[in-house]
Amino acid sequence: MADEVMKTALLDRHMKEVFDWSDSDIPVRDALWDYFMEKNGRDTIKTEEAMLPFLKDSDDKIESFVNENLKK
């Protein structure tokens, strides 16, 4: 069970804690959700499917995706 918690710990941290370019207090998970909702025309099912891989991805992979796609 502890492994599960550790895997998603990055997703639960605030954007500004993880990314020095962000001043957002929302969790990384919520920022990704908002990004995919916008991209998928507010389709919850498509967004949920897009989010699933992030639950298994490494922190490095998640950080890389956020830097490439959410950094303004």
N, C-alpha and C. Protein backbone atom coordinates (compact mmCIF):
# COMPACT_ATOMS: atom_id res chain seq x y z
N MET A 1 0.83 -1.20 0.00
CA MET A 1 0.00 0.00 0.00
C MET A 1 0.88 1.27 0.00
N ALA A 2 1.96 1.25 0.73
CA ALA A 2 2.84 2.42 0.78
C ALA A 2 3.38 2.77 -0.60
N ASP A 3 3.65 1.75 -1.42
CA ASP A 3 4.14 1.99 -2.77
C ASP A 3 3.12 2.77 -3.59
N GLU A 4 1.85 2.44 -3.43
CA GLU A 4 0.79 3.13 -4.16
C GLU A 4 0.78 4.61 -3.80
N VAL A 5 0.91 4.91 -2.54
CA VAL A 5 0.92 6.30 -2.08
C VAL A 5 2.11 7.05 -2.67
N MET A 6 3.26 6.43 -2.65
CA MET A 6 4.46 7.07 -3.17
C MET A 6 4.36 7.33 -4.67
N LYS A 7 3.76 6.43 -5.41
CA LYS A 7 3.67 6.58 -6.85
C LYS A 7 2.91 7.84 -7.26
N THR A 8 1.88 8.20 -6.50
CA THR A 8 1.07 9.34 -6.88
C THR A 8 1.37 10.57 -6.03
N ALA A 9 2.39 10.50 -5.19
CA ALA A 9 2.70 11.63 -4.31
C ALA A 9 2.93 12.92 -5.10
N LEU A 10 3.62 12.84 -6.22
CA LEU A 10 3.87 14.02 -7.04
C LEU A 10 2.54 14.62 -7.52
N LEU A 11 1.61 13.79 -7.90
CA LEU A 11 0.32 14.26 -8.39
C LEU A 11 -0.45 15.05 -7.34
N ASP A 12 -0.20 14.74 -6.08
CA ASP A 12 -0.92 15.40 -4.99
C ASP A 12 -0.23 16.66 -4.48
N ARG A 13 0.97 16.90 -4.94
CA ARG A 13 1.69 18.12 -4.51
C ARG A 13 1.20 19.32 -5.30
N HIS A 14 1.33 20.49 -4.72
CA HIS A 14 0.90 21.71 -5.40
C HIS A 14 1.85 22.03 -6.54
N MET A 15 1.30 22.61 -7.58
CA MET A 15 2.11 22.96 -8.76
C MET A 15 3.34 23.76 -8.36
N LYS A 16 3.17 24.75 -7.50
CA LYS A 16 4.31 25.63 -7.16
C LYS A 16 5.37 24.92 -6.32
N GLU A 17 5.02 23.79 -5.69
CA GLU A 17 6.00 23.01 -4.94
C GLU A 17 6.90 22.21 -5.87
N VAL A 18 6.35 21.84 -7.02
CA VAL A 18 7.08 20.97 -7.94
C VAL A 18 7.77 21.75 -9.05
N PHE A 19 7.11 22.81 -9.53
CA PHE A 19 7.63 23.56 -10.68
C PHE A 19 7.93 25.00 -10.28
N ASP A 20 9.19 25.39 -10.43
CA ASP A 20 9.58 26.75 -10.03
C ASP A 20 8.94 27.83 -10.89
N TRP A 21 8.43 27.47 -12.06
CA TRP A 21 7.79 28.44 -12.95
C TRP A 21 6.31 28.65 -12.61
N SER A 22 5.78 27.86 -11.68
CA SER A 22 4.36 27.96 -11.35
C SER A 22 4.15 28.63 -10.00
N ASP A 23 3.07 29.41 -9.91
CA ASP A 23 2.71 30.00 -8.61
C ASP A 23 1.33 29.47 -8.18
N SER A 24 0.91 28.37 -8.80
CA SER A 24 -0.41 27.81 -8.55
C SER A 24 -0.45 26.92 -7.31
N ASP A 25 -1.52 27.06 -6.55
CA ASP A 25 -1.72 26.23 -5.35
C ASP A 25 -2.49 24.95 -5.66
N ILE A 26 -2.91 24.75 -6.91
CA ILE A 26 -3.67 23.54 -7.19
C ILE A 26 -2.72 22.35 -7.32
N PRO A 27 -3.21 21.16 -6.98
CA PRO A 27 -2.37 19.97 -7.13
C PRO A 27 -2.05 19.69 -8.60
N VAL A 28 -0.93 19.04 -8.83
CA VAL A 28 -0.50 18.68 -10.19
C VAL A 28 -1.62 17.88 -10.87
N ARG A 29 -2.24 16.97 -10.13
CA ARG A 29 -3.33 16.15 -10.65
C ARG A 29 -4.45 17.02 -11.23
N ASP A 30 -4.84 18.07 -10.51
CA ASP A 30 -5.92 18.96 -10.97
C ASP A 30 -5.50 19.77 -12.19
N ALA A 31 -4.24 20.19 -12.21
CA ALA A 31 -3.74 20.94 -13.37
C ALA A 31 -3.79 20.07 -14.62
N LEU A 32 -3.39 18.81 -14.47
CA LEU A 32 -3.44 17.88 -15.60
C LEU A 32 -4.89 17.64 -16.03
N TRP A 33 -5.78 17.46 -15.05
CA TRP A 33 -7.20 17.24 -15.36
C TRP A 33 -7.75 18.42 -16.16
N ASP A 34 -7.47 19.62 -15.69
CA ASP A 34 -7.96 20.82 -16.38
C ASP A 34 -7.40 20.90 -17.80
N TYR A 35 -6.13 20.57 -17.95
CA TYR A 35 -5.48 20.58 -19.27
C TYR A 35 -6.20 19.63 -20.22
N PHE A 36 -6.43 18.39 -19.77
CA PHE A 36 -7.07 17.40 -20.64
C PHE A 36 -8.55 17.71 -20.87
N MET A 37 -9.23 18.28 -19.89
CA MET A 37 -10.64 18.65 -20.08
C MET A 37 -10.74 19.70 -21.19
N GLU A 38 -9.84 20.66 -21.16
CA GLU A 38 -9.81 21.71 -22.17
C GLU A 38 -9.52 21.11 -23.55
N LYS A 39 -8.53 20.23 -23.59
CA LYS A 39 -8.08 19.60 -24.84
C LYS A 39 -9.15 18.67 -25.44
N ASN A 40 -9.95 18.03 -24.58
CA ASN A 40 -10.94 17.05 -25.01
C ASN A 40 -12.35 17.61 -25.11
N GLY A 41 -12.46 18.93 -25.16
CA GLY A 41 -13.78 19.53 -25.29
C GLY A 41 -14.68 19.22 -24.10
N ARG A 42 -14.09 19.16 -22.92
CA ARG A 42 -14.82 18.91 -21.67
C ARG A 42 -15.48 17.53 -21.63
N ASP A 43 -14.89 16.57 -22.33
CA ASP A 43 -15.38 15.20 -22.31
C ASP A 43 -14.72 14.45 -21.14
N THR A 44 -15.52 14.20 -20.11
CA THR A 44 -15.00 13.58 -18.90
C THR A 44 -14.41 12.19 -19.15
N ILE A 45 -15.07 11.41 -19.98
CA ILE A 45 -14.60 10.04 -20.25
C ILE A 45 -13.24 10.08 -20.95
N LYS A 46 -13.10 10.92 -21.96
CA LYS A 46 -11.81 11.04 -22.67
C LYS A 46 -10.73 11.55 -21.72
N THR A 47 -11.10 12.49 -20.86
CA THR A 47 -10.13 13.05 -19.92
C THR A 47 -9.69 12.00 -18.92
N GLU A 48 -10.64 11.22 -18.44
CA GLU A 48 -10.31 10.15 -17.50
C GLU A 48 -9.34 9.16 -18.14
N GLU A 49 -9.59 8.80 -19.39
CA GLU A 49 -8.69 7.88 -20.10
C GLU A 49 -7.30 8.48 -20.28
N ALA A 50 -7.25 9.78 -20.57
CA ALA A 50 -5.96 10.45 -20.75
C ALA A 50 -5.17 10.52 -19.44
N MET A 51 -5.89 10.58 -18.32
CA MET A 51 -5.24 10.70 -17.02
C MET A 51 -4.70 9.37 -16.49
N LEU A 52 -5.28 8.27 -16.89
CA LEU A 52 -4.90 6.96 -16.35
C LEU A 52 -3.40 6.67 -16.38
N PRO A 53 -2.71 6.90 -17.49
CA PRO A 53 -1.28 6.59 -17.51
C PRO A 53 -0.48 7.35 -16.44
N PHE A 54 -0.94 8.52 -16.07
CA PHE A 54 -0.20 9.32 -15.08
C PHE A 54 -0.21 8.67 -13.70
N LEU A 55 -1.16 7.79 -13.45
CA LEU A 55 -1.20 7.10 -12.17
C LEU A 55 -0.09 6.06 -12.06
N LYS A 56 0.46 5.66 -13.21
CA LYS A 56 1.53 4.65 -13.23
C LYS A 56 2.88 5.23 -13.63
N ASP A 57 2.87 6.41 -14.23
CA ASP A 57 4.11 7.00 -14.73
C ASP A 57 5.06 7.40 -13.60
N SER A 58 6.32 7.46 -13.93
CA SER A 58 7.33 7.93 -12.97
C SER A 58 7.19 9.44 -12.80
N ASP A 59 7.69 9.95 -11.69
CA ASP A 59 7.66 11.39 -11.44
C ASP A 59 8.36 12.15 -12.56
N ASP A 60 9.48 11.61 -13.04
CA ASP A 60 10.23 12.27 -14.12
C ASP A 60 9.37 12.43 -15.37
N LYS A 61 8.63 11.38 -15.69
CA LYS A 61 7.79 11.39 -16.87
C LYS A 61 6.66 12.43 -16.71
N ILE A 62 6.08 12.48 -15.54
CA ILE A 62 4.99 13.44 -15.27
C ILE A 62 5.53 14.86 -15.34
N GLU A 63 6.66 15.09 -14.67
CA GLU A 63 7.27 16.43 -14.68
C GLU A 63 7.60 16.87 -16.10
N SER A 64 8.13 15.96 -16.89
CA SER A 64 8.47 16.27 -18.27
C SER A 64 7.22 16.66 -19.06
N PHE A 65 6.14 15.89 -18.90
CA PHE A 65 4.90 16.19 -19.62
C PHE A 65 4.36 17.56 -19.21
N VAL A 66 4.34 17.82 -17.92
CA VAL A 66 3.83 19.11 -17.43
C VAL A 66 4.69 20.25 -17.97
N ASN A 67 6.00 20.11 -17.92
CA ASN A 67 6.89 21.15 -18.43
C ASN A 67 6.66 21.41 -19.92
N GLU A 68 6.43 20.36 -20.68
CA GLU A 68 6.24 20.50 -22.11
C GLU A 68 4.85 21.05 -22.50
N ASN A 69 3.84 20.73 -21.70
CA ASN A 69 2.48 21.03 -22.10
C ASN A 69 1.75 22.09 -21.27
N LEU A 70 2.14 22.28 -20.02
CA LEU A 70 1.41 23.21 -19.17
C LEU A 70 2.17 24.50 -18.87
N LYS A 71 3.48 24.46 -19.10
CA LYS A 71 4.29 25.66 -18.81
C LYS A 71 3.93 26.75 -19.80
N LYS A 72 3.68 27.94 -19.27
CA LYS A 72 3.27 29.04 -20.14
C LYS A 72 4.40 30.03 -20.30
